[in-house]
């Protein structure tokens, strides 16, 4: 099972900054990988639009 979700990168980063309740390691991991995931999502969205 999988899900495809589109998020606004700026809104996501803002949300991450205000979510102080997250464990610091989790927050750092998500922040470090967010750009990579957003790029992958954009590529997947482009593939679907081309079909």
PDB file of N, CA and C in Angstrom:
ATOM      1  N   UNK A   1       0.843  -1.170   0.000  1.00  0.00           N
ATOM      2  CA  UNK A   1       0.000   0.000   0.000  1.00  0.00           C
ATOM      3  C   UNK A   1       0.890   1.235   0.000  1.00  0.00           C
ATOM      4  N   UNK A   2       0.522   2.222  -0.778  1.00  0.00           N
ATOM      5  CA  UNK A   2       1.288   3.460  -0.806  1.00  0.00           C
ATOM      6  C   UNK A   2       0.333   4.625  -0.984  1.00  0.00           C
ATOM      7  N   UNK A   3       0.852   5.817  -0.729  1.00  0.00           N
ATOM      8  CA  UNK A   3       0.042   7.027  -0.871  1.00  0.00           C
ATOM      9  C   UNK A   3       0.905   8.125  -1.456  1.00  0.00           C
ATOM     10  N   UNK A   4       0.309   8.934  -2.286  1.00  0.00           N
ATOM     11  CA  UNK A   4       0.999  10.072  -2.871  1.00  0.00           C
ATOM     12  C   UNK A   4       0.326  11.332  -2.339  1.00  0.00           C
ATOM     13  N   UNK A   5       1.118  12.172  -1.702  1.00  0.00           N
ATOM     14  CA  UNK A   5       0.599  13.390  -1.107  1.00  0.00           C
ATOM     15  C   UNK A   5       1.416  14.551  -1.620  1.00  0.00           C
ATOM     16  N   UNK A   6       0.743  15.623  -1.990  1.00  0.00           N
ATOM     17  CA  UNK A   6       1.455  16.816  -2.422  1.00  0.00           C
ATOM     18  C   UNK A   6       1.407  17.842  -1.305  1.00  0.00           C
ATOM     19  N   UNK A   7       2.573  18.351  -0.946  1.00  0.00           N
ATOM     20  CA  UNK A   7       2.694  19.356   0.096  1.00  0.00           C
ATOM     21  C   UNK A   7       3.430  20.563  -0.443  1.00  0.00           C
ATOM     22  N   UNK A   8       3.135  21.709   0.114  1.00  0.00           N
ATOM     23  CA  UNK A   8       3.864  22.923  -0.212  1.00  0.00           C
ATOM     24  C   UNK A   8       5.160  22.913   0.597  1.00  0.00           C
ATOM     25  N   UNK A   9       6.324  22.924  -0.076  1.00  0.00           N
ATOM     26  CA  UNK A   9       7.600  22.853   0.656  1.00  0.00           C
ATOM     27  C   UNK A   9       7.771  23.953   1.708  1.00  0.00           C
ATOM     28  N   UNK A  10       7.369  25.174   1.384  1.00  0.00           N
ATOM     29  CA  UNK A  10       7.538  26.271   2.348  1.00  0.00           C
ATOM     30  C   UNK A  10       6.650  26.051   3.574  1.00  0.00           C
ATOM     31  N   UNK A  11       5.436  25.617   3.352  1.00  0.00           N
ATOM     32  CA  UNK A  11       4.529  25.360   4.469  1.00  0.00           C
ATOM     33  C   UNK A  11       5.038  24.201   5.315  1.00  0.00           C
ATOM     34  N   UNK A  12       5.589  23.200   4.663  1.00  0.00           N
ATOM     35  CA  UNK A  12       6.122  22.056   5.393  1.00  0.00           C
ATOM     36  C   UNK A  12       7.289  22.479   6.274  1.00  0.00           C
ATOM     37  N   UNK A  13       8.207  23.273   5.741  1.00  0.00           N
ATOM     38  CA  UNK A  13       9.353  23.735   6.534  1.00  0.00           C
ATOM     39  C   UNK A  13       8.887  24.588   7.717  1.00  0.00           C
ATOM     40  N   UNK A  14       7.895  25.440   7.487  1.00  0.00           N
ATOM     41  CA  UNK A  14       7.343  26.259   8.566  1.00  0.00           C
ATOM     42  C   UNK A  14       6.750  25.360   9.655  1.00  0.00           C
ATOM     43  N   UNK A  15       5.978  24.354   9.239  1.00  0.00           N
ATOM     44  CA  UNK A  15       5.379  23.426  10.181  1.00  0.00           C
ATOM     45  C   UNK A  15       6.454  22.727  11.009  1.00  0.00           C
ATOM     46  N   UNK A  16       7.528  22.333  10.339  1.00  0.00           N
ATOM     47  CA  UNK A  16       8.611  21.651  11.052  1.00  0.00           C
ATOM     48  C   UNK A  16       9.266  22.574  12.080  1.00  0.00           C
ATOM     49  N   UNK A  17       9.379  23.831  11.767  1.00  0.00           N
ATOM     50  CA  UNK A  17      10.002  24.778  12.700  1.00  0.00           C
ATOM     51  C   UNK A  17       9.140  25.000  13.940  1.00  0.00           C
ATOM     52  N   UNK A  18       7.840  24.981  13.775  1.00  0.00           N
ATOM     53  CA  UNK A  18       6.988  25.255  14.937  1.00  0.00           C
ATOM     54  C   UNK A  18       6.654  23.993  15.724  1.00  0.00           C
ATOM     55  N   UNK A  19       6.980  22.845  15.201  1.00  0.00           N
ATOM     56  CA  UNK A  19       6.695  21.584  15.891  1.00  0.00           C
ATOM     57  C   UNK A  19       7.828  21.254  16.864  1.00  0.00           C
ATOM     58  N   UNK A  20       7.950  22.009  17.902  1.00  0.00           N
ATOM     59  CA  UNK A  20       9.016  21.824  18.895  1.00  0.00           C
ATOM     60  C   UNK A  20       8.859  20.539  19.691  1.00  0.00           C
ATOM     61  N   UNK A  21       7.691  19.933  19.636  1.00  0.00           N
ATOM     62  CA  UNK A  21       7.461  18.731  20.422  1.00  0.00           C
ATOM     63  C   UNK A  21       8.097  17.494  19.795  1.00  0.00           C
ATOM     64  N   UNK A  22       8.508  17.598  18.538  1.00  0.00           N
ATOM     65  CA  UNK A  22       9.168  16.457  17.899  1.00  0.00           C
ATOM     66  C   UNK A  22      10.544  16.232  18.510  1.00  0.00           C
ATOM     67  N   UNK A  23      10.921  15.001  18.596  1.00  0.00           N
ATOM     68  CA  UNK A  23      12.263  14.643  19.015  1.00  0.00           C
ATOM     69  C   UNK A  23      13.255  15.335  18.080  1.00  0.00           C
ATOM     70  N   UNK A  24      14.340  15.870  18.592  1.00  0.00           N
ATOM     71  CA  UNK A  24      15.313  16.607  17.789  1.00  0.00           C
ATOM     72  C   UNK A  24      15.889  15.747  16.662  1.00  0.00           C
ATOM     73  N   UNK A  25      16.135  14.483  16.922  1.00  0.00           N
ATOM     74  CA  UNK A  25      16.682  13.610  15.887  1.00  0.00           C
ATOM     75  C   UNK A  25      15.680  13.402  14.759  1.00  0.00           C
ATOM     76  N   UNK A  26      14.428  13.231  15.100  1.00  0.00           N
ATOM     77  CA  UNK A  26      13.386  13.057  14.080  1.00  0.00           C
ATOM     78  C   UNK A  26      13.267  14.325  13.258  1.00  0.00           C
ATOM     79  N   UNK A  27      13.222  15.474  13.926  1.00  0.00           N
ATOM     80  CA  UNK A  27      13.106  16.756  13.241  1.00  0.00           C
ATOM     81  C   UNK A  27      14.282  16.978  12.298  1.00  0.00           C
ATOM     82  N   UNK A  28      15.489  16.673  12.735  1.00  0.00           N
ATOM     83  CA  UNK A  28      16.669  16.844  11.887  1.00  0.00           C
ATOM     84  C   UNK A  28      16.647  15.896  10.696  1.00  0.00           C
ATOM     85  N   UNK A  29      16.213  14.653  10.913  1.00  0.00           N
ATOM     86  CA  UNK A  29      16.131  13.691   9.824  1.00  0.00           C
ATOM     87  C   UNK A  29      15.139  14.155   8.756  1.00  0.00           C
ATOM     88  N   UNK A  30      13.961  14.574   9.196  1.00  0.00           N
ATOM     89  CA  UNK A  30      12.937  15.005   8.244  1.00  0.00           C
ATOM     90  C   UNK A  30      13.399  16.246   7.499  1.00  0.00           C
ATOM     91  N   UNK A  31      13.968  17.194   8.197  1.00  0.00           N
ATOM     92  CA  UNK A  31      14.438  18.425   7.558  1.00  0.00           C
ATOM     93  C   UNK A  31      15.521  18.114   6.527  1.00  0.00           C
ATOM     94  N   UNK A  32      16.446  17.238   6.866  1.00  0.00           N
ATOM     95  CA  UNK A  32      17.555  16.906   5.967  1.00  0.00           C
ATOM     96  C   UNK A  32      17.073  16.193   4.711  1.00  0.00           C
ATOM     97  N   UNK A  33      15.991  15.437   4.824  1.00  0.00           N
ATOM     98  CA  UNK A  33      15.513  14.658   3.692  1.00  0.00           C
ATOM     99  C   UNK A  33      14.323  15.280   2.966  1.00  0.00           C
ATOM    100  N   UNK A  34      13.774  16.359   3.470  1.00  0.00           N
ATOM    101  CA  UNK A  34      12.571  16.954   2.886  1.00  0.00           C
ATOM    102  C   UNK A  34      12.786  17.364   1.432  1.00  0.00           C
ATOM    103  N   UNK A  35      13.877  18.046   1.130  1.00  0.00           N
ATOM    104  CA  UNK A  35      14.106  18.497  -0.247  1.00  0.00           C
ATOM    105  C   UNK A  35      14.187  17.319  -1.205  1.00  0.00           C
ATOM    106  N   UNK A  36      14.857  16.265  -0.794  1.00  0.00           N
ATOM    107  CA  UNK A  36      14.971  15.061  -1.623  1.00  0.00           C
ATOM    108  C   UNK A  36      13.586  14.483  -1.915  1.00  0.00           C
ATOM    109  N   UNK A  37      12.773  14.380  -0.893  1.00  0.00           N
ATOM    110  CA  UNK A  37      11.435  13.820  -1.066  1.00  0.00           C
ATOM    111  C   UNK A  37      10.560  14.707  -1.935  1.00  0.00           C
ATOM    112  N   UNK A  38      10.662  16.020  -1.767  1.00  0.00           N
ATOM    113  CA  UNK A  38       9.872  16.925  -2.600  1.00  0.00           C
ATOM    114  C   UNK A  38      10.285  16.810  -4.067  1.00  0.00           C
ATOM    115  N   UNK A  39      11.563  16.647  -4.333  1.00  0.00           N
ATOM    116  CA  UNK A  39      12.026  16.456  -5.713  1.00  0.00           C
ATOM    117  C   UNK A  39      11.460  15.162  -6.291  1.00  0.00           C
ATOM    118  N   UNK A  40      11.503  14.098  -5.511  1.00  0.00           N
ATOM    119  CA  UNK A  40      10.953  12.824  -5.970  1.00  0.00           C
ATOM    120  C   UNK A  40       9.461  12.940  -6.245  1.00  0.00           C
ATOM    121  N   UNK A  41       8.748  13.636  -5.394  1.00  0.00           N
ATOM    122  CA  UNK A  41       7.314  13.816  -5.593  1.00  0.00           C
ATOM    123  C   UNK A  41       7.033  14.632  -6.854  1.00  0.00           C
ATOM    124  N   UNK A  42       7.826  15.651  -7.101  1.00  0.00           N
ATOM    125  CA  UNK A  42       7.638  16.462  -8.303  1.00  0.00           C
ATOM    126  C   UNK A  42       7.894  15.624  -9.556  1.00  0.00           C
ATOM    127  N   UNK A  43       8.922  14.787  -9.521  1.00  0.00           N
ATOM    128  CA  UNK A  43       9.205  13.927 -10.655  1.00  0.00           C
ATOM    129  C   UNK A  43       8.074  12.936 -10.881  1.00  0.00           C
ATOM    130  N   UNK A  44       7.541  12.369  -9.832  1.00  0.00           N
ATOM    131  CA  UNK A  44       6.436  11.420  -9.945  1.00  0.00           C
ATOM    132  C   UNK A  44       5.190  12.123 -10.504  1.00  0.00           C
ATOM    133  N   UNK A  45       4.952  13.331 -10.045  1.00  0.00           N
ATOM    134  CA  UNK A  45       3.819  14.100 -10.535  1.00  0.00           C
ATOM    135  C   UNK A  45       3.958  14.406 -12.024  1.00  0.00           C
ATOM    136  N   UNK A  46       5.168  14.741 -12.457  1.00  0.00           N
ATOM    137  CA  UNK A  46       5.434  14.986 -13.874  1.00  0.00           C
ATOM    138  C   UNK A  46       5.204  13.734 -14.706  1.00  0.00           C
ATOM    139  N   UNK A  47       5.642  12.583 -14.194  1.00  0.00           N
ATOM    140  CA  UNK A  47       5.429  11.314 -14.909  1.00  0.00           C
ATOM    141  C   UNK A  47       3.954  11.044 -15.084  1.00  0.00           C
ATOM    142  N   UNK A  48       3.176  11.257 -14.035  1.00  0.00           N
ATOM    143  CA  UNK A  48       1.744  10.992 -14.105  1.00  0.00           C
ATOM    144  C   UNK A  48       1.060  11.954 -15.057  1.00  0.00           C
ATOM    145  N   UNK A  49       1.511  13.196 -15.084  1.00  0.00           N
ATOM    146  CA  UNK A  49       0.902  14.200 -15.976  1.00  0.00           C
ATOM    147  C   UNK A  49       1.226  13.903 -17.440  1.00  0.00           C
ATOM    148  N   UNK A  50       2.372  13.283 -17.696  1.00  0.00           N
ATOM    149  CA  UNK A  50       2.782  12.989 -19.070  1.00  0.00           C
ATOM    150  C   UNK A  50       1.998  11.828 -19.658  1.00  0.00           C
ATOM    151  N   UNK A  51       1.362  11.023 -18.833  1.00  0.00           N
ATOM    152  CA  UNK A  51       0.618   9.848 -19.331  1.00  0.00           C
ATOM    153  C   UNK A  51      -0.721  10.220 -19.891  1.00  0.00           C
TER     154      UNK A  51
END
